[in-house]
Protein backbone atom coordinates (compact mmCIF):
# COMPACT_ATOMS: atom_id res chain seq x y z
CA MET A 1 -29.11 -8.28 56.94
CA LYS A 2 -29.40 -11.06 54.42
CA SER A 3 -30.74 -8.75 51.70
CA GLY A 4 -27.80 -6.37 52.24
CA GLN A 5 -25.36 -9.23 51.83
CA THR A 6 -27.06 -10.34 48.63
CA GLY A 7 -26.87 -6.79 47.22
CA LEU A 8 -23.19 -6.62 48.15
CA SER A 9 -22.57 -10.04 46.59
CA ARG A 10 -24.28 -8.99 43.35
CA THR A 11 -22.28 -5.76 43.21
CA PHE A 12 -19.06 -7.65 43.86
CA ALA A 13 -19.91 -10.26 41.21
CA ARG A 14 -20.81 -7.55 38.66
CA ASP A 15 -17.59 -5.64 39.34
CA ALA A 16 -15.51 -8.82 39.16
CA ALA A 17 -17.13 -9.75 35.84
CA THR A 18 -16.43 -6.26 34.47
CA VAL A 19 -12.78 -6.45 35.50
CA LEU A 20 -12.42 -9.98 34.11
CA GLY A 21 -14.05 -8.92 30.84
CA THR A 22 -11.74 -5.94 30.54
CA VAL A 23 -8.67 -8.09 31.20
CA CYS A 24 -9.81 -10.63 28.58
CA LEU A 25 -10.38 -7.84 26.06
CA ILE A 26 -6.92 -6.38 26.67
CA VAL A 27 -5.28 -9.80 26.36
CA CYS A 28 -7.20 -10.58 23.16
CA LEU A 29 -6.38 -7.22 21.57
CA SER A 30 -2.71 -7.44 22.45
CA THR A 31 -2.58 -10.97 21.01
CA ILE A 32 -4.15 -9.75 17.76
CA ALA A 33 -1.79 -6.79 17.60
CA HIS A 34 1.21 -9.08 18.03
CA ALA A 35 -0.07 -11.69 15.61
CA GLU A 36 0.00 -9.41 12.58
CA PRO A 37 2.07 -6.28 13.04
CA VAL A 38 1.24 -3.36 10.80
CA VAL A 39 3.92 -0.80 10.08
CA GLU A 40 2.45 2.58 9.28
CA ASP A 41 4.28 4.94 6.93
CA ALA A 42 4.77 7.40 9.79
CA GLN A 43 6.44 4.66 11.86
CA VAL A 44 8.64 3.65 8.94
CA ASP A 45 9.57 7.30 8.44
CA ALA A 46 10.35 7.64 12.16
CA ASP A 47 12.49 4.49 12.05
CA ILE A 48 14.34 5.81 9.01
CA THR A 49 14.98 9.16 10.71
CA THR A 50 16.21 7.46 13.88
CA THR A 51 18.57 5.13 12.05
CA GLN A 52 19.80 7.89 9.77
CA SER A 53 20.73 10.02 12.75
CA GLN A 54 22.86 7.20 14.12
CA GLY A 55 25.00 7.22 10.97
CA THR A 56 26.67 3.81 11.37
CA PRO A 57 27.13 1.45 8.40
CA GLN A 58 24.62 -0.92 10.00
CA SER A 59 22.04 1.85 10.39
CA LYS A 60 22.54 2.91 6.75
CA ARG A 61 21.86 -0.67 5.65
CA ASN A 62 18.78 -0.77 7.90
CA THR A 63 17.61 2.53 6.42
CA ALA A 64 18.02 1.17 2.89
CA GLU A 65 16.16 -2.01 3.82
CA LEU A 66 13.31 -0.04 5.40
CA ASP A 67 13.07 2.25 2.38
CA ARG A 68 13.10 -0.72 -0.02
CA ALA A 69 10.33 -2.41 1.99
CA ARG A 70 8.29 0.79 1.91
CA GLN A 71 8.75 1.22 -1.86
CA ILE A 72 7.69 -2.40 -2.42
CA ARG A 73 4.60 -1.86 -0.26
CA CYS A 74 3.60 1.28 -2.18
CA LEU A 75 4.02 -0.38 -5.57
CA ALA A 76 2.26 -3.56 -4.41
CA GLU A 77 -0.70 -1.44 -3.26
CA ALA A 78 -0.88 0.20 -6.69
CA VAL A 79 -0.78 -3.17 -8.46
CA TYR A 80 -3.33 -4.65 -6.07
CA TYR A 81 -5.87 -1.83 -6.04
CA GLU A 82 -5.58 -1.02 -9.74
CA ALA A 83 -5.36 -4.52 -11.19
CA LYS A 84 -6.11 -7.27 -8.66
CA GLY A 85 -8.71 -8.81 -10.97
CA GLU A 86 -6.48 -8.58 -14.04
CA PRO A 87 -4.26 -11.25 -15.57
CA ARG A 88 -0.63 -11.24 -14.43
CA ARG A 89 0.43 -9.27 -17.55
CA GLY A 90 -2.06 -6.55 -16.62
CA GLN A 91 -0.67 -6.35 -13.11
CA GLU A 92 2.87 -6.20 -14.48
CA ALA A 93 1.82 -3.41 -16.86
CA VAL A 94 0.51 -1.31 -13.95
CA ALA A 95 3.82 -1.82 -12.13
CA GLU A 96 5.67 -0.89 -15.31
CA VAL A 97 3.72 2.40 -15.62
CA VAL A 98 4.73 3.35 -12.08
CA ALA A 99 8.37 2.39 -12.77
CA THR A 100 8.37 4.44 -15.99
CA ARG A 101 7.09 7.44 -14.05
CA VAL A 102 9.78 6.99 -11.38
CA ALA A 103 12.41 7.07 -14.13
CA SER A 104 10.91 10.22 -15.69
CA LYS A 105 11.90 13.76 -14.70
CA ALA A 106 8.21 14.74 -14.79
CA TYR A 107 7.26 12.63 -11.76
CA PRO A 108 8.47 11.99 -8.21
CA LYS A 109 11.65 9.93 -7.88
CA SER A 110 10.28 7.11 -5.73
CA PHE A 111 7.57 4.47 -6.09
CA CYS A 112 5.75 5.86 -3.05
CA GLY A 113 6.06 9.37 -4.43
CA VAL A 114 4.49 8.36 -7.74
CA VAL A 115 1.78 6.17 -6.21
CA TYR A 116 0.67 8.77 -3.69
CA GLN A 117 1.25 11.85 -5.89
CA ARG A 118 -1.47 14.46 -5.57
CA SER A 119 -2.46 17.50 -7.51
CA GLY A 120 -4.37 19.59 -5.00
CA ARG A 121 -7.05 17.29 -3.67
CA THR A 122 -6.86 14.87 -6.60
CA CYS A 123 -4.77 11.71 -6.47
CA GLN A 124 -2.99 10.25 -9.49
CA PHE A 125 -4.48 6.88 -8.52
CA SER A 126 -8.09 7.26 -7.39
CA TRP A 127 -7.90 4.51 -4.76
CA ALA A 128 -5.16 6.44 -2.94
CA CYS A 129 -7.70 9.15 -2.02
CA SER A 130 -10.45 6.81 -0.87
CA ALA A 131 -11.02 4.36 1.92
CA LYS A 132 -9.89 0.88 0.98
CA ARG A 133 -9.93 -2.57 2.48
CA ALA A 134 -6.68 -4.07 3.67
CA PRO A 135 -5.10 -6.09 0.86
CA SER A 136 -5.07 -9.86 1.29
CA GLY A 137 -5.09 -13.21 -0.44
CA LEU A 138 -3.31 -14.60 -3.45
CA GLN A 139 -3.71 -11.38 -5.45
CA TRP A 140 -1.92 -9.44 -2.69
CA GLN A 141 0.84 -12.05 -2.66
CA ARG A 142 1.22 -11.77 -6.45
CA ALA A 143 1.21 -7.95 -6.25
CA ASN A 144 4.05 -8.11 -3.73
CA GLU A 145 6.06 -10.53 -5.91
CA ILE A 146 5.70 -8.26 -8.94
CA ALA A 147 6.46 -5.13 -6.90
CA GLU A 148 9.59 -6.61 -5.37
CA ARG A 149 10.99 -7.56 -8.77
CA VAL A 150 10.19 -4.15 -10.28
CA VAL A 151 11.63 -2.20 -7.32
CA ASP A 152 14.79 -4.31 -7.74
CA GLY A 153 15.09 -3.18 -11.39
CA TRP A 154 13.17 -5.73 -13.46
CA ARG A 155 10.96 -4.31 -16.21
CA PRO A 156 8.25 -6.63 -17.55
CA GLY A 157 8.24 -5.10 -21.05
CA VAL A 158 4.48 -5.56 -21.43
CA ALA A 159 3.73 -1.81 -21.70
CA PRO A 160 7.06 -0.24 -22.68
CA GLY A 161 7.22 3.50 -22.10
CA ALA A 162 3.64 3.69 -20.84
CA THR A 163 3.04 6.48 -18.33
CA HIS A 164 -0.75 6.37 -18.18
CA PHE A 165 -3.57 3.86 -18.20
CA HIS A 166 -7.29 3.74 -17.66
CA ALA A 167 -10.01 1.15 -17.31
CA THR A 168 -11.78 0.23 -20.54
CA PHE A 169 -15.13 1.42 -19.18
CA VAL A 170 -14.00 5.08 -18.96
CA ASP A 171 -12.99 7.54 -21.70
CA PRO A 172 -10.69 10.22 -20.23
CA SER A 173 -9.99 13.29 -22.34
CA TRP A 174 -6.22 12.80 -22.06
CA ALA A 175 -6.49 9.45 -23.90
CA ARG A 176 -6.87 11.36 -27.20
CA VAL A 177 -3.59 13.21 -26.60
CA TYR A 178 -1.32 10.24 -25.73
CA ARG A 179 -0.14 7.38 -27.90
CA ARG A 180 -1.79 4.03 -27.18
CA VAL A 181 0.77 1.34 -26.28
CA THR A 182 -1.36 -1.70 -25.56
CA SER A 183 -4.57 -3.02 -24.07
CA ILE A 184 -4.40 -5.77 -21.44
CA GLY A 185 -7.43 -7.15 -19.65
CA GLY A 186 -9.62 -4.26 -18.54
CA HIS A 187 -7.01 -1.51 -19.04
CA VAL A 188 -5.60 0.52 -21.91
CA PHE A 189 -2.02 1.82 -21.60
CA TYR A 190 -0.56 5.00 -23.14
CA ARG A 191 2.69 6.90 -23.38
CA GLN A 192 3.16 10.62 -23.61
CA ILE A 193 4.20 11.90 -27.01
CA VAL A 194 7.46 13.78 -26.63
CA ARG A 195 8.03 16.48 -29.22
């Protein structure tokens, strides 16, 4: 009878440890999830749709705030992934290119639209089509500061009229067609020639 009790005790101990481990895992994961909330674009879009359907002045303000936050995030991602290792002027120039495109009739009318614009399976910004690490650190903070100012209407004036740019280590065919505006850090900036 003793060996049966020992087997039962071991089974009970194993099951208790499994349950305890599962509870600890759930508590840890929920703590992490609450510590740094991530708002996905789909959730932001759902929130915007919900508040738009309510139609109150407060919900319209909330919708505008959510859209502004989303536009800042999109532009900050472009600045971060395209120019995080560049000097501040280079980061501002990338933001200015996106803003110039938003103001143009030839491109989407929002920062997110420009940043995530696709032509078939090709993205305007290569990082937008590939896996990327979550942005972080001082460069992410700077990208957000620049993006917020640009979304709010500030134009740095470091690459006026520029609609395109490329890294200095590549030589795209379109670079021979556009007018060079400036070179900052590891990027060259161009504007389309309007005839």
